[in-house]
Amino acid sequence: MTRSPPSDTLLKLQAWYHAQCNGDWEHTYGITIDTLDNPGWCLTVELTDTYLYETEFDSVVFNGEHVDDWFQCKRKSSPALFDAACGPNHLSTVIGIFLDWAEANKVTGLEP
């Protein structure tokens, strides 16, 4: 069986997750990708004990013309989460928004 190579977005998300794993974080926190019944996707990234824990994020909301063409991303504070939901064709979009925010706020030498 021939497999398609993973996308850059997925590879970057894997790398971000792995960078947070310190022997403790991964036992309590993590990343969840789930489906919605409308249809769509839900992405939740737990931020506790990461360099993004106290970082501000400006919510993003997009509603296209088609019923499935939408996404929204926000940061919740209690518990500290990056929370996104989207139509069925925007999972890579919301992962990309998270990764762009994470990269823009990286503090060299402080993150795991």
C-alpha atoms as a PDB file:
ATOM      1  CA  MET A   1       0.000   0.000   0.000  1.00  0.00           C
ATOM      2  CA  THR A   2       1.289   3.454  -0.929  1.00  0.00           C
ATOM      3  CA  ARG A   3       0.686   6.212   1.582  1.00  0.00           C
ATOM      4  CA  SER A   4       0.386   9.887   0.845  1.00  0.00           C
ATOM      5  CA  PRO A   5       2.988  12.011   2.617  1.00  0.00           C
ATOM      6  CA  PRO A   6       1.691  14.037   5.581  1.00  0.00           C
ATOM      7  CA  SER A   7       1.004  17.690   4.913  1.00  0.00           C
ATOM      8  CA  ASP A   8       3.338  20.391   6.201  1.00  0.00           C
ATOM      9  CA  THR A   9       0.537  21.530   8.507  1.00  0.00           C
ATOM     10  CA  LEU A  10       0.238  18.109  10.114  1.00  0.00           C
ATOM     11  CA  LEU A  11       4.022  17.776  10.444  1.00  0.00           C
ATOM     12  CA  LYS A  12       4.218  21.180  12.146  1.00  0.00           C
ATOM     13  CA  LEU A  13       1.392  20.294  14.547  1.00  0.00           C
ATOM     14  CA  GLN A  14       3.191  17.048  15.401  1.00  0.00           C
ATOM     15  CA  ALA A  15       6.405  18.996  16.031  1.00  0.00           C
ATOM     16  CA  TRP A  16       4.636  21.541  18.268  1.00  0.00           C
ATOM     17  CA  TYR A  17       3.021  18.733  20.275  1.00  0.00           C
ATOM     18  CA  HIS A  18       6.317  16.866  20.615  1.00  0.00           C
ATOM     19  CA  ALA A  19       8.072  20.036  21.785  1.00  0.00           C
ATOM     20  CA  GLN A  20       5.565  20.349  24.651  1.00  0.00           C
ATOM     21  CA  CYS A  21       6.111  16.758  25.801  1.00  0.00           C
ATOM     22  CA  ASN A  22       8.397  16.931  28.819  1.00  0.00           C
ATOM     23  CA  GLY A  23       7.503  13.771  30.699  1.00  0.00           C
ATOM     24  CA  ASP A  24       4.618  15.467  32.508  1.00  0.00           C
ATOM     25  CA  TRP A  25       2.640  17.689  30.119  1.00  0.00           C
ATOM     26  CA  GLU A  26       1.554  14.883  27.804  1.00  0.00           C
ATOM     27  CA  HIS A  27       0.064  12.904  30.696  1.00  0.00           C
ATOM     28  CA  THR A  28      -2.363  15.690  31.604  1.00  0.00           C
ATOM     29  CA  TYR A  29      -2.744  17.901  28.524  1.00  0.00           C
ATOM     30  CA  GLY A  30      -2.751  17.522  24.781  1.00  0.00           C
ATOM     31  CA  ILE A  31      -4.445  18.163  21.455  1.00  0.00           C
ATOM     32  CA  THR A  32      -7.866  16.864  20.464  1.00  0.00           C
ATOM     33  CA  ILE A  33      -9.294  16.738  16.945  1.00  0.00           C
ATOM     34  CA  ASP A  34     -12.905  15.631  16.721  1.00  0.00           C
ATOM     35  CA  THR A  35     -15.790  15.749  14.282  1.00  0.00           C
ATOM     36  CA  LEU A  36     -18.966  17.809  14.491  1.00  0.00           C
ATOM     37  CA  ASP A  37     -22.356  16.628  13.326  1.00  0.00           C
ATOM     38  CA  ASN A  38     -23.177  19.661  11.201  1.00  0.00           C
ATOM     39  CA  PRO A  39     -20.647  18.459   9.554  1.00  0.00           C
ATOM     40  CA  GLY A  40     -17.291  19.844  10.569  1.00  0.00           C
ATOM     41  CA  TRP A  41     -14.261  19.616  12.793  1.00  0.00           C
ATOM     42  CA  CYS A  42     -13.288  20.708  16.291  1.00  0.00           C
ATOM     43  CA  LEU A  43      -9.679  21.379  17.337  1.00  0.00           C
ATOM     44  CA  THR A  44      -8.770  21.871  20.993  1.00  0.00           C
ATOM     45  CA  VAL A  45      -5.211  22.560  22.151  1.00  0.00           C
ATOM     46  CA  GLU A  46      -4.599  22.648  25.887  1.00  0.00           C
ATOM     47  CA  LEU A  47      -2.240  25.530  26.696  1.00  0.00           C
ATOM     48  CA  THR A  48      -1.515  24.962  30.385  1.00  0.00           C
ATOM     49  CA  ASP A  49       2.231  24.640  31.018  1.00  0.00           C
ATOM     50  CA  THR A  50       3.111  25.823  27.501  1.00  0.00           C
ATOM     51  CA  TYR A  51       4.671  29.122  26.438  1.00  0.00           C
ATOM     52  CA  LEU A  52       1.223  30.109  25.094  1.00  0.00           C
ATOM     53  CA  TYR A  53      -0.478  29.845  28.491  1.00  0.00           C
ATOM     54  CA  GLU A  54      -0.838  33.611  29.037  1.00  0.00           C
ATOM     55  CA  THR A  55      -0.580  34.719  25.413  1.00  0.00           C
ATOM     56  CA  GLU A  56      -3.394  36.821  23.952  1.00  0.00           C
ATOM     57  CA  PHE A  57      -5.182  35.637  20.819  1.00  0.00           C
ATOM     58  CA  ASP A  58      -7.585  37.704  18.725  1.00  0.00           C
ATOM     59  CA  SER A  59     -10.563  35.530  17.846  1.00  0.00           C
ATOM     60  CA  VAL A  60     -11.061  34.727  14.167  1.00  0.00           C
ATOM     61  CA  VAL A  61     -14.487  34.174  12.606  1.00  0.00           C
ATOM     62  CA  PHE A  62     -15.159  33.431   8.935  1.00  0.00           C
ATOM     63  CA  ASN A  63     -18.516  32.685   7.333  1.00  0.00           C
ATOM     64  CA  GLY A  64     -18.461  32.034   3.594  1.00  0.00           C
ATOM     65  CA  GLU A  65     -21.407  31.858   1.237  1.00  0.00           C
ATOM     66  CA  HIS A  66     -21.835  28.082   1.462  1.00  0.00           C
ATOM     67  CA  VAL A  67     -23.242  26.486   4.626  1.00  0.00           C
ATOM     68  CA  ASP A  68     -20.066  24.365   5.026  1.00  0.00           C
ATOM     69  CA  ASP A  69     -17.651  27.270   4.415  1.00  0.00           C
ATOM     70  CA  TRP A  70     -16.915  28.592   7.896  1.00  0.00           C
ATOM     71  CA  PHE A  71     -14.451  28.542  10.771  1.00  0.00           C
ATOM     72  CA  GLN A  72     -13.944  30.170  14.138  1.00  0.00           C
ATOM     73  CA  CYS A  73     -10.945  30.190  16.448  1.00  0.00           C
ATOM     74  CA  LYS A  74     -10.758  31.577  19.964  1.00  0.00           C
ATOM     75  CA  ARG A  75      -8.706  31.337  23.112  1.00  0.00           C
ATOM     76  CA  LYS A  76     -10.402  30.309  26.316  1.00  0.00           C
ATOM     77  CA  SER A  77      -8.849  31.204  29.643  1.00  0.00           C
ATOM     78  CA  SER A  78     -10.296  28.736  32.120  1.00  0.00           C
ATOM     79  CA  PRO A  79      -9.054  26.209  31.347  1.00  0.00           C
ATOM     80  CA  ALA A  80      -6.450  27.668  28.998  1.00  0.00           C
ATOM     81  CA  LEU A  81      -7.372  26.413  25.535  1.00  0.00           C
ATOM     82  CA  PHE A  82      -7.070  27.247  21.873  1.00  0.00           C
ATOM     83  CA  ASP A  83     -10.503  26.232  20.636  1.00  0.00           C
ATOM     84  CA  ALA A  84     -11.497  26.044  16.975  1.00  0.00           C
ATOM     85  CA  ALA A  85     -14.440  24.718  15.023  1.00  0.00           C
ATOM     86  CA  CYS A  86     -14.862  24.660  11.273  1.00  0.00           C
ATOM     87  CA  GLY A  87     -16.683  23.282   8.283  1.00  0.00           C
ATOM     88  CA  PRO A  88     -15.553  19.980   6.774  1.00  0.00           C
ATOM     89  CA  ASN A  89     -12.971  21.548   4.435  1.00  0.00           C
ATOM     90  CA  HIS A  90     -11.220  23.883   6.882  1.00  0.00           C
ATOM     91  CA  LEU A  91      -9.400  21.621   9.350  1.00  0.00           C
ATOM     92  CA  SER A  92      -6.008  22.536   7.883  1.00  0.00           C
ATOM     93  CA  THR A  93      -7.043  26.214   8.006  1.00  0.00           C
ATOM     94  CA  VAL A  94      -7.697  26.224  11.756  1.00  0.00           C
ATOM     95  CA  ILE A  95      -4.585  24.148  12.469  1.00  0.00           C
ATOM     96  CA  GLY A  96      -2.633  26.688  10.408  1.00  0.00           C
ATOM     97  CA  ILE A  97      -4.112  29.589  12.388  1.00  0.00           C
ATOM     98  CA  PHE A  98      -3.027  27.904  15.621  1.00  0.00           C
ATOM     99  CA  LEU A  99       0.474  27.206  14.292  1.00  0.00           C
ATOM    100  CA  ASP A 100       0.903  30.777  12.992  1.00  0.00           C
ATOM    101  CA  TRP A 101      -0.075  32.114  16.436  1.00  0.00           C
ATOM    102  CA  ALA A 102       2.256  29.660  18.185  1.00  0.00           C
ATOM    103  CA  GLU A 103       5.169  30.547  15.903  1.00  0.00           C
ATOM    104  CA  ALA A 104       4.581  34.301  16.218  1.00  0.00           C
ATOM    105  CA  ASN A 105       4.704  34.031  20.014  1.00  0.00           C
ATOM    106  CA  LYS A 106       7.603  31.639  20.393  1.00  0.00           C
ATOM    107  CA  VAL A 107      10.205  32.935  22.826  1.00  0.00           C
ATOM    108  CA  THR A 108      13.539  31.456  21.838  1.00  0.00           C
ATOM    109  CA  GLY A 109      15.144  29.571  24.670  1.00  0.00           C
ATOM    110  CA  LEU A 110      12.053  29.460  26.880  1.00  0.00           C
ATOM    111  CA  GLU A 111       9.843  26.931  25.155  1.00  0.00           C
ATOM    112  CA  PRO A 112      10.555  23.223  25.624  1.00  0.00           C
END
